[in-house]
C-alpha atoms as a PDB file:
ATOM      1  CA  MET A   1       0.000   0.000   0.000  1.00  0.00           C
ATOM      2  CA  ASN A   2       1.362   3.339  -0.913  1.00  0.00           C
ATOM      3  CA  ASP A   3      -0.444   5.953   1.100  1.00  0.00           C
ATOM      4  CA  ASP A   4       0.137   8.170   4.090  1.00  0.00           C
ATOM      5  CA  HIS A   5      -0.690   5.335   6.508  1.00  0.00           C
ATOM      6  CA  GLU A   6       1.711   2.744   5.074  1.00  0.00           C
ATOM      7  CA  ASP A   7       3.889   2.680   8.220  1.00  0.00           C
ATOM      8  CA  GLU A   8       0.830   2.091  10.426  1.00  0.00           C
ATOM      9  CA  TYR A   9      -0.177  -0.930   8.340  1.00  0.00           C
ATOM     10  CA  GLU A  10       3.303  -2.412   8.436  1.00  0.00           C
ATOM     11  CA  GLU A  11       3.373  -2.221  12.230  1.00  0.00           C
ATOM     12  CA  GLN A  12      -0.083  -3.732  12.685  1.00  0.00           C
ATOM     13  CA  GLU A  13      -0.200  -7.469  13.261  1.00  0.00           C
ATOM     14  CA  LEU A  14      -2.902  -9.167  11.211  1.00  0.00           C
ATOM     15  CA  LEU A  15      -4.864 -12.034  12.708  1.00  0.00           C
ATOM     16  CA  PHE A  16      -5.522 -15.063  10.539  1.00  0.00           C
ATOM     17  CA  ALA A  17      -7.930 -17.899  11.309  1.00  0.00           C
ATOM     18  CA  ASP A  18      -5.826 -21.092  11.363  1.00  0.00           C
ATOM     19  CA  GLY A  19      -6.706 -23.516   8.599  1.00  0.00           C
ATOM     20  CA  TYR A  20      -8.736 -21.103   6.468  1.00  0.00           C
ATOM     21  CA  ASP A  21      -6.090 -19.567   4.191  1.00  0.00           C
ATOM     22  CA  GLU A  22      -7.912 -20.731   1.073  1.00  0.00           C
ATOM     23  CA  ALA A  23     -10.931 -18.645   2.153  1.00  0.00           C
ATOM     24  CA  VAL A  24      -8.996 -15.351   2.372  1.00  0.00           C
ATOM     25  CA  ILE A  25     -10.326 -12.930  -0.227  1.00  0.00           C
ATOM     26  CA  GLY A  26      -8.341  -9.880   0.794  1.00  0.00           C
ATOM     27  CA  PHE A  27      -7.864  -7.234   3.393  1.00  0.00           C
ATOM     28  CA  ALA A  28     -10.039  -4.341   4.467  1.00  0.00           C
ATOM     29  CA  ARG A  29      -9.353  -1.061   6.119  1.00  0.00           C
ATOM     30  CA  GLN A  30     -11.477   0.776   8.625  1.00  0.00           C
ATOM     31  CA  HIS A  31      -9.925   4.105   9.587  1.00  0.00           C
ATOM     32  CA  THR A  32      -6.321   3.140  10.331  1.00  0.00           C
ATOM     33  CA  LYS A  33      -7.066  -0.510  11.140  1.00  0.00           C
ATOM     34  CA  LEU A  34      -6.353  -3.255   8.648  1.00  0.00           C
ATOM     35  CA  PHE A  35      -7.896  -6.717   8.931  1.00  0.00           C
ATOM     36  CA  VAL A  36      -8.206  -9.968   6.992  1.00  0.00           C
ATOM     37  CA  VAL A  37     -11.430 -10.669   5.098  1.00  0.00           C
ATOM     38  CA  TYR A  38     -12.693 -14.200   4.523  1.00  0.00           C
ATOM     39  CA  ASP A  39     -15.347 -15.488   2.143  1.00  0.00           C
ATOM     40  CA  TYR A  40     -18.135 -16.756   4.416  1.00  0.00           C
ATOM     41  CA  LYS A  41     -19.291 -19.398   1.924  1.00  0.00           C
ATOM     42  CA  LYS A  42     -15.769 -20.803   1.551  1.00  0.00           C
ATOM     43  CA  VAL A  43     -15.294 -20.862   5.340  1.00  0.00           C
ATOM     44  CA  MET A  44     -18.519 -22.846   5.638  1.00  0.00           C
ATOM     45  CA  GLN A  45     -17.326 -25.291   2.965  1.00  0.00           C
ATOM     46  CA  ILE A  46     -14.116 -25.847   4.920  1.00  0.00           C
ATOM     47  CA  LEU A  47     -16.015 -26.395   8.177  1.00  0.00           C
ATOM     48  CA  GLU A  48     -18.397 -28.830   6.478  1.00  0.00           C
ATOM     49  CA  ARG A  49     -15.494 -31.086   5.548  1.00  0.00           C
ATOM     50  CA  ASP A  50     -15.467 -32.204   9.191  1.00  0.00           C
ATOM     51  CA  MET A  51     -19.031 -31.602  10.419  1.00  0.00           C
ATOM     52  CA  ASP A  52     -22.597 -31.359   9.213  1.00  0.00           C
ATOM     53  CA  HIS A  53     -24.097 -28.022   8.146  1.00  0.00           C
ATOM     54  CA  GLU A  54     -25.878 -27.306  11.429  1.00  0.00           C
ATOM     55  CA  ASP A  55     -22.744 -27.927  13.485  1.00  0.00           C
ATOM     56  CA  ALA A  56     -20.696 -25.836  11.035  1.00  0.00           C
ATOM     57  CA  VAL A  57     -23.086 -22.887  11.411  1.00  0.00           C
ATOM     58  CA  ASP A  58     -23.025 -23.225  15.195  1.00  0.00           C
ATOM     59  CA  PHE A  59     -19.221 -23.420  15.274  1.00  0.00           C
ATOM     60  CA  PHE A  60     -18.884 -20.432  12.953  1.00  0.00           C
ATOM     61  CA  GLU A  61     -21.322 -18.262  14.914  1.00  0.00           C
ATOM     62  CA  HIS A  62     -19.765 -18.987  18.303  1.00  0.00           C
ATOM     63  CA  ASN A  63     -16.077 -19.357  17.507  1.00  0.00           C
ATOM     64  CA  MET A  64     -15.421 -17.207  14.478  1.00  0.00           C
ATOM     65  CA  ALA A  65     -18.019 -14.497  13.820  1.00  0.00           C
ATOM     66  CA  GLY A  66     -18.728 -14.206  17.526  1.00  0.00           C
ATOM     67  CA  ALA A  67     -15.080 -13.861  18.551  1.00  0.00           C
ATOM     68  CA  TRP A  68     -13.410 -10.518  19.210  1.00  0.00           C
ATOM     69  CA  HIS A  69      -9.629 -10.329  19.217  1.00  0.00           C
ATOM     70  CA  GLY A  70      -9.190  -6.577  19.081  1.00  0.00           C
ATOM     71  CA  ASP A  71      -9.009  -4.187  16.160  1.00  0.00           C
ATOM     72  CA  SER A  72      -7.478  -6.790  13.836  1.00  0.00           C
ATOM     73  CA  THR A  73     -10.276  -9.331  14.299  1.00  0.00           C
ATOM     74  CA  PRO A  74     -10.990 -10.895  10.887  1.00  0.00           C
ATOM     75  CA  ALA A  75     -14.208 -10.182   9.004  1.00  0.00           C
ATOM     76  CA  TYR A  76     -16.364 -12.636   7.060  1.00  0.00           C
ATOM     77  CA  LEU A  77     -17.906 -11.362   3.845  1.00  0.00           C
ATOM     78  CA  ILE A  78     -21.304 -12.657   2.802  1.00  0.00           C
ATOM     79  CA  LYS A  79     -21.462 -12.029  -0.931  1.00  0.00           C
ATOM     80  CA  LYS A  80     -24.894 -10.912  -1.997  1.00  0.00           C
ATOM     81  CA  ALA A  81     -25.761  -9.029  -5.120  1.00  0.00           C
ATOM     82  CA  ARG A  82     -27.868  -5.995  -4.444  1.00  0.00           C
ATOM     83  CA  ASP A  83     -30.942  -5.505  -6.554  1.00  0.00           C
ATOM     84  CA  PRO A  84     -30.297  -2.276  -8.512  1.00  0.00           C
ATOM     85  CA  MET A  85     -34.051  -1.580  -8.394  1.00  0.00           C
ATOM     86  CA  GLU A  86     -34.114  -1.247  -4.587  1.00  0.00           C
END
């Protein structure tokens, strides 16, 4: 990143969810905070390799989306096309 906040980003430690690298779709910035963004659907596919859908949803809600690890807590993007007529 080449902007005025480049040094701040370099010093910030990003948090990654172990075992979900293939679900990383990028990074996002909110003010001066940078965090990892995961594809929700891909995360669910990974979880469902080892558990049924209901257990995967429960695990995700309690242990991933429901976890807070500070300003660098990862985000999970739910891709949904917006109806341009709304």
